[in-house]
Amino acid sequence: MELPWWLPFGRVPEIAASELWEILGHLPSLLVLDVRTPAEFAGGHVPGAVNLPLTSLASRLGPPFLDPARRVVAVCLTGHRSVAAVRLLCRRSFQASQLAGGMMAWRAERLPEERMPRGTRL
C-alpha cells in the first residue's frame, strides 16, 4: 500500500549534512528547499536555501516555482516534514532527497547558517 504523500513517516532518499555542505558549492543546479515556516526559516537555514512551507508545496510544484529538471534536497527541523515533501516531489518526477536529521543535524555539525535580518518579511 502506498502511503499518502503528507504522512511524515516512512523512508525516503537522504543526504547527510556534511555531504550536502560539500556539494553545495560544486553543484549550482541543486535546489535546497526549506519546507519549514517562514519564522523558522528566518531563524537560520542552509546557505542559499529557498523557503517554501510544506503547507504550500503541493500548489507550487512546477514552473515557475520549481523546475523538475533540478535536483532537490528538502530540509525541515528534524527530518519529518521533509519526508512528506520528498514523497510528494518524487511522485511528481523530481529527483529529491531530504537532509538526514534536518536542521538539527546541520547544527550538530556546526555548519554555516544564513539568517534573515530582524524585521524582514518573507
N, C-alpha and C. Protein backbone atom coordinates (compact mmCIF):
# COMPACT_ATOMS: atom_id res chain seq x y z
N MET A 1 0.84 -1.18 0.00
CA MET A 1 0.00 0.00 0.00
C MET A 1 0.89 1.25 0.00
N GLU A 2 0.57 2.18 -0.86
CA GLU A 2 1.32 3.42 -0.95
C GLU A 2 0.83 4.41 0.10
N LEU A 3 1.77 4.98 0.85
CA LEU A 3 1.42 5.96 1.88
C LEU A 3 0.98 7.27 1.25
N PRO A 4 0.02 7.97 1.86
CA PRO A 4 -0.31 9.31 1.37
C PRO A 4 0.94 10.19 1.46
N TRP A 5 1.11 11.10 0.52
CA TRP A 5 2.33 11.90 0.47
C TRP A 5 2.56 12.71 1.73
N TRP A 6 1.49 13.14 2.40
CA TRP A 6 1.60 14.08 3.52
C TRP A 6 1.94 13.42 4.85
N LEU A 7 1.99 12.10 4.93
CA LEU A 7 2.36 11.44 6.19
C LEU A 7 3.85 11.62 6.46
N PRO A 8 4.22 12.06 7.66
CA PRO A 8 5.64 12.29 7.96
C PRO A 8 6.38 11.03 8.41
N PHE A 9 5.98 9.89 7.90
CA PHE A 9 6.58 8.62 8.29
C PHE A 9 7.09 7.91 7.05
N GLY A 10 7.95 6.93 7.26
CA GLY A 10 8.49 6.15 6.16
C GLY A 10 9.87 6.61 5.77
N ARG A 11 10.44 5.91 4.81
CA ARG A 11 11.80 6.21 4.38
C ARG A 11 11.78 6.86 3.00
N VAL A 12 12.66 7.81 2.83
CA VAL A 12 12.87 8.48 1.56
C VAL A 12 14.38 8.63 1.37
N PRO A 13 14.83 8.92 0.16
CA PRO A 13 16.28 9.13 -0.03
C PRO A 13 16.77 10.27 0.86
N GLU A 14 17.99 10.11 1.39
CA GLU A 14 18.55 11.10 2.30
C GLU A 14 19.97 11.47 1.90
N ILE A 15 20.39 12.63 2.37
CA ILE A 15 21.77 13.07 2.23
C ILE A 15 22.22 13.60 3.59
N ALA A 16 23.43 13.25 3.99
CA ALA A 16 23.96 13.70 5.28
C ALA A 16 24.34 15.18 5.20
N ALA A 17 24.30 15.84 6.35
CA ALA A 17 24.61 17.27 6.41
C ALA A 17 26.00 17.57 5.84
N SER A 18 26.99 16.80 6.23
CA SER A 18 28.36 17.05 5.75
C SER A 18 28.46 16.85 4.24
N GLU A 19 27.75 15.89 3.71
CA GLU A 19 27.76 15.66 2.26
C GLU A 19 27.07 16.81 1.52
N LEU A 20 25.96 17.28 2.05
CA LEU A 20 25.27 18.42 1.44
C LEU A 20 26.18 19.64 1.44
N TRP A 21 26.85 19.91 2.55
CA TRP A 21 27.75 21.05 2.65
C TRP A 21 28.86 20.95 1.60
N GLU A 22 29.39 19.74 1.40
CA GLU A 22 30.45 19.52 0.42
C GLU A 22 30.01 19.82 -1.00
N ILE A 23 28.81 19.43 -1.36
CA ILE A 23 28.37 19.59 -2.76
C ILE A 23 27.71 20.93 -3.05
N LEU A 24 27.38 21.70 -2.03
CA LEU A 24 26.68 22.97 -2.27
C LEU A 24 27.43 23.88 -3.24
N GLY A 25 28.72 23.99 -3.10
CA GLY A 25 29.49 24.88 -3.97
C GLY A 25 29.83 24.28 -5.32
N HIS A 26 29.64 22.97 -5.46
CA HIS A 26 30.05 22.28 -6.68
C HIS A 26 28.88 21.88 -7.58
N LEU A 27 27.70 22.05 -7.12
CA LEU A 27 26.52 21.64 -7.88
C LEU A 27 25.53 22.80 -7.90
N PRO A 28 25.77 23.80 -8.76
CA PRO A 28 24.94 25.01 -8.73
C PRO A 28 23.47 24.78 -9.08
N SER A 29 23.17 23.68 -9.75
CA SER A 29 21.77 23.43 -10.09
C SER A 29 20.97 22.83 -8.94
N LEU A 30 21.65 22.43 -7.86
CA LEU A 30 20.97 21.86 -6.70
C LEU A 30 20.08 22.90 -6.03
N LEU A 31 18.86 22.53 -5.73
CA LEU A 31 17.94 23.41 -5.00
C LEU A 31 17.74 22.88 -3.59
N VAL A 32 18.11 23.67 -2.62
CA VAL A 32 17.84 23.33 -1.22
C VAL A 32 16.52 23.99 -0.87
N LEU A 33 15.52 23.16 -0.61
CA LEU A 33 14.16 23.62 -0.39
C LEU A 33 13.80 23.44 1.08
N ASP A 34 13.70 24.54 1.80
CA ASP A 34 13.38 24.52 3.22
C ASP A 34 11.86 24.56 3.36
N VAL A 35 11.28 23.50 3.91
CA VAL A 35 9.82 23.38 3.98
C VAL A 35 9.26 23.79 5.35
N ARG A 36 10.08 24.47 6.15
CA ARG A 36 9.61 24.95 7.45
C ARG A 36 8.82 26.25 7.28
N THR A 37 8.29 26.75 8.37
CA THR A 37 7.56 28.01 8.34
C THR A 37 8.51 29.17 8.07
N PRO A 38 8.00 30.29 7.59
CA PRO A 38 8.87 31.46 7.37
C PRO A 38 9.61 31.89 8.63
N ALA A 39 8.98 31.82 9.78
CA ALA A 39 9.64 32.20 11.04
C ALA A 39 10.81 31.27 11.35
N GLU A 40 10.62 29.96 11.16
CA GLU A 40 11.70 29.02 11.39
C GLU A 40 12.85 29.27 10.41
N PHE A 41 12.50 29.50 9.16
CA PHE A 41 13.49 29.77 8.13
C PHE A 41 14.31 31.02 8.46
N ALA A 42 13.63 32.07 8.90
CA ALA A 42 14.32 33.32 9.23
C ALA A 42 15.31 33.13 10.36
N GLY A 43 15.04 32.19 11.27
CA GLY A 43 15.90 31.94 12.41
C GLY A 43 17.19 31.21 12.08
N GLY A 44 17.32 30.72 10.87
CA GLY A 44 18.54 30.06 10.44
C GLY A 44 18.24 28.96 9.44
N HIS A 45 18.98 28.97 8.32
CA HIS A 45 18.75 27.98 7.27
C HIS A 45 20.06 27.68 6.54
N VAL A 46 20.03 26.62 5.76
CA VAL A 46 21.18 26.24 4.93
C VAL A 46 21.45 27.39 3.96
N PRO A 47 22.70 27.80 3.83
CA PRO A 47 23.01 28.90 2.90
C PRO A 47 22.47 28.63 1.50
N GLY A 48 21.78 29.64 0.96
CA GLY A 48 21.23 29.54 -0.39
C GLY A 48 19.88 28.85 -0.48
N ALA A 49 19.36 28.36 0.63
CA ALA A 49 18.08 27.65 0.62
C ALA A 49 16.93 28.59 0.24
N VAL A 50 15.90 27.99 -0.32
CA VAL A 50 14.66 28.69 -0.67
C VAL A 50 13.58 28.19 0.27
N ASN A 51 12.78 29.10 0.80
CA ASN A 51 11.72 28.71 1.73
C ASN A 51 10.40 28.53 1.00
N LEU A 52 9.84 27.34 1.10
CA LEU A 52 8.51 27.03 0.58
C LEU A 52 7.87 26.07 1.58
N PRO A 53 7.07 26.61 2.50
CA PRO A 53 6.49 25.76 3.56
C PRO A 53 5.75 24.56 3.00
N LEU A 54 5.81 23.47 3.72
CA LEU A 54 5.16 22.23 3.30
C LEU A 54 3.69 22.45 2.99
N THR A 55 3.04 23.33 3.73
CA THR A 55 1.61 23.58 3.51
C THR A 55 1.32 24.21 2.16
N SER A 56 2.33 24.80 1.51
CA SER A 56 2.15 25.43 0.20
C SER A 56 2.76 24.62 -0.94
N LEU A 57 3.50 23.59 -0.62
CA LEU A 57 4.29 22.87 -1.62
C LEU A 57 3.45 22.29 -2.75
N ALA A 58 2.38 21.58 -2.43
CA ALA A 58 1.60 20.89 -3.46
C ALA A 58 1.06 21.85 -4.52
N SER A 59 0.73 23.07 -4.12
CA SER A 59 0.15 24.02 -5.08
C SER A 59 1.21 24.77 -5.88
N ARG A 60 2.49 24.56 -5.55
CA ARG A 60 3.54 25.33 -6.24
C ARG A 60 4.57 24.45 -6.94
N LEU A 61 4.21 23.20 -7.20
CA LEU A 61 5.11 22.31 -7.91
C LEU A 61 5.13 22.67 -9.39
N GLY A 62 6.28 22.69 -9.97
CA GLY A 62 6.43 23.01 -11.38
C GLY A 62 6.71 24.48 -11.60
N PRO A 63 7.03 24.83 -12.86
CA PRO A 63 7.37 26.23 -13.19
C PRO A 63 6.23 27.16 -12.85
N PRO A 64 6.49 28.38 -12.47
CA PRO A 64 7.80 28.99 -12.32
C PRO A 64 8.42 28.75 -10.95
N PHE A 65 7.75 28.07 -10.06
CA PHE A 65 8.25 27.91 -8.70
C PHE A 65 9.33 26.84 -8.59
N LEU A 66 9.09 25.66 -9.11
CA LEU A 66 10.06 24.57 -9.02
C LEU A 66 10.26 23.94 -10.40
N ASP A 67 11.51 23.69 -10.74
CA ASP A 67 11.87 23.10 -12.02
C ASP A 67 12.15 21.62 -11.83
N PRO A 68 11.36 20.75 -12.46
CA PRO A 68 11.57 19.31 -12.29
C PRO A 68 12.94 18.82 -12.78
N ALA A 69 13.65 19.63 -13.55
CA ALA A 69 14.97 19.24 -14.03
C ALA A 69 16.06 19.41 -12.97
N ARG A 70 15.75 20.14 -11.90
CA ARG A 70 16.74 20.38 -10.84
C ARG A 70 16.63 19.34 -9.74
N ARG A 71 17.76 18.90 -9.24
CA ARG A 71 17.79 18.02 -8.07
C ARG A 71 17.40 18.86 -6.86
N VAL A 72 16.60 18.28 -5.96
CA VAL A 72 16.08 18.99 -4.79
C VAL A 72 16.47 18.25 -3.52
N VAL A 73 16.92 19.02 -2.52
CA VAL A 73 17.12 18.48 -1.18
C VAL A 73 16.16 19.25 -0.27
N ALA A 74 15.20 18.53 0.32
CA ALA A 74 14.23 19.15 1.22
C ALA A 74 14.77 19.17 2.64
N VAL A 75 14.50 20.27 3.34
CA VAL A 75 15.01 20.47 4.70
C VAL A 75 13.87 20.90 5.61
N CYS A 76 13.82 20.32 6.81
CA CYS A 76 12.93 20.80 7.86
C CYS A 76 13.75 20.81 9.16
N LEU A 77 13.11 20.86 10.28
CA LEU A 77 13.86 20.93 11.54
C LEU A 77 14.49 19.60 11.92
N THR A 78 13.70 18.51 11.88
CA THR A 78 14.19 17.23 12.37
C THR A 78 14.16 16.10 11.34
N GLY A 79 13.59 16.34 10.19
CA GLY A 79 13.52 15.31 9.16
C GLY A 79 12.17 14.62 9.08
N HIS A 80 11.11 15.24 9.60
CA HIS A 80 9.78 14.66 9.49
C HIS A 80 8.97 15.33 8.39
N ARG A 81 8.89 16.64 8.39
CA ARG A 81 8.16 17.33 7.33
C ARG A 81 8.82 17.11 5.98
N SER A 82 10.13 17.01 5.97
CA SER A 82 10.83 16.82 4.70
C SER A 82 10.55 15.44 4.09
N VAL A 83 10.20 14.45 4.91
CA VAL A 83 9.79 13.14 4.38
C VAL A 83 8.58 13.32 3.48
N ALA A 84 7.59 14.05 3.97
CA ALA A 84 6.38 14.29 3.17
C ALA A 84 6.71 15.08 1.91
N ALA A 85 7.58 16.06 2.02
CA ALA A 85 7.96 16.87 0.86
C ALA A 85 8.64 16.00 -0.20
N VAL A 86 9.58 15.17 0.22
CA VAL A 86 10.30 14.32 -0.72
C VAL A 86 9.35 13.33 -1.37
N ARG A 87 8.46 12.76 -0.59
CA ARG A 87 7.50 11.81 -1.15
C ARG A 87 6.66 12.48 -2.24
N LEU A 88 6.17 13.68 -1.98
CA LEU A 88 5.37 14.40 -2.98
C LEU A 88 6.22 14.74 -4.20
N LEU A 89 7.42 15.24 -3.99
CA LEU A 89 8.30 15.61 -5.11
C LEU A 89 8.62 14.40 -5.98
N CYS A 90 8.94 13.27 -5.37
CA CYS A 90 9.25 12.07 -6.13
C CYS A 90 8.04 11.58 -6.93
N ARG A 91 6.87 11.69 -6.36
CA ARG A 91 5.66 11.29 -7.09
C ARG A 91 5.39 12.19 -8.28
N ARG A 92 5.95 13.38 -8.25
CA ARG A 92 5.79 14.33 -9.37
C ARG A 92 7.04 14.37 -10.25
N SER A 93 7.85 13.31 -10.19
CA SER A 93 9.01 13.10 -11.06
C SER A 93 10.22 14.00 -10.78
N PHE A 94 10.31 14.56 -9.59
CA PHE A 94 11.51 15.30 -9.20
C PHE A 94 12.54 14.31 -8.67
N GLN A 95 13.82 14.62 -8.83
CA GLN A 95 14.88 13.86 -8.18
C GLN A 95 15.09 14.54 -6.83
N ALA A 96 14.58 13.92 -5.77
CA ALA A 96 14.55 14.59 -4.46
C ALA A 96 15.08 13.68 -3.36
N SER A 97 15.66 14.33 -2.36
CA SER A 97 16.09 13.65 -1.14
C SER A 97 15.90 14.62 0.01
N GLN A 98 16.07 14.14 1.21
CA GLN A 98 15.94 15.01 2.37
C GLN A 98 17.27 15.12 3.10
N LEU A 99 17.44 16.22 3.82
CA LEU A 99 18.59 16.38 4.69
C LEU A 99 18.35 15.47 5.89
N ALA A 100 19.16 14.43 6.02
CA ALA A 100 19.00 13.47 7.12
C ALA A 100 19.13 14.19 8.46
N GLY A 101 18.10 14.10 9.28
CA GLY A 101 18.12 14.74 10.60
C GLY A 101 17.77 16.21 10.58
N GLY A 102 17.54 16.77 9.41
CA GLY A 102 17.11 18.16 9.27
C GLY A 102 18.11 19.17 9.81
N MET A 103 17.62 20.35 10.13
CA MET A 103 18.48 21.43 10.64
C MET A 103 19.13 21.06 11.96
N MET A 104 18.53 20.16 12.71
CA MET A 104 19.15 19.72 13.96
C MET A 104 20.49 19.03 13.65
N ALA A 105 20.53 18.20 12.62
CA ALA A 105 21.78 17.54 12.22
C ALA A 105 22.77 18.55 11.66
N TRP A 106 22.27 19.51 10.86
CA TRP A 106 23.11 20.56 10.30
C TRP A 106 23.79 21.34 11.44
N ARG A 107 23.01 21.70 12.42
CA ARG A 107 23.53 22.47 13.56
C ARG A 107 24.46 21.63 14.43
N ALA A 108 24.17 20.35 14.58
CA ALA A 108 25.04 19.47 15.37
C ALA A 108 26.44 19.38 14.76
N GLU A 109 26.51 19.53 13.44
CA GLU A 109 27.81 19.50 12.75
C GLU A 109 28.45 20.89 12.70
N ARG A 110 27.76 21.87 13.26
CA ARG A 110 28.25 23.26 13.30
C ARG A 110 28.55 23.81 11.91
N LEU A 111 27.65 23.51 10.98
CA LEU A 111 27.80 24.02 9.62
C LEU A 111 27.20 25.42 9.53
N PRO A 112 27.65 26.22 8.57
CA PRO A 112 27.18 27.61 8.48
C PRO A 112 25.68 27.72 8.22
N GLU A 113 25.10 28.78 8.75
CA GLU A 113 23.68 29.09 8.52
C GLU A 113 23.55 30.53 8.09
N GLU A 114 22.53 30.78 7.28
CA GLU A 114 22.15 32.15 6.96
C GLU A 114 20.94 32.48 7.82
N ARG A 115 20.82 33.75 8.18
CA ARG A 115 19.65 34.22 8.94
C ARG A 115 19.08 35.43 8.23
N MET A 116 17.79 35.62 8.38
CA MET A 116 17.13 36.80 7.81
C MET A 116 17.31 37.94 8.81
N PRO A 117 17.59 39.15 8.32
CA PRO A 117 17.68 40.30 9.23
C PRO A 117 16.37 40.49 9.98
N ARG A 118 16.45 40.93 11.22
CA ARG A 118 15.26 41.17 12.02
C ARG A 118 14.31 42.11 11.31
N GLY A 119 13.04 41.79 11.32
CA GLY A 119 12.02 42.63 10.70
C GLY A 119 11.82 42.34 9.22
N THR A 120 12.61 41.44 8.64
CA THR A 120 12.46 41.08 7.23
C THR A 120 11.20 40.26 7.06
N ARG A 121 10.43 40.58 6.05
CA ARG A 121 9.22 39.80 5.74
C ARG A 121 9.51 38.94 4.53
N LEU A 122 9.11 37.69 4.62
CA LEU A 122 9.32 36.76 3.50
C LEU A 122 8.17 36.84 2.52
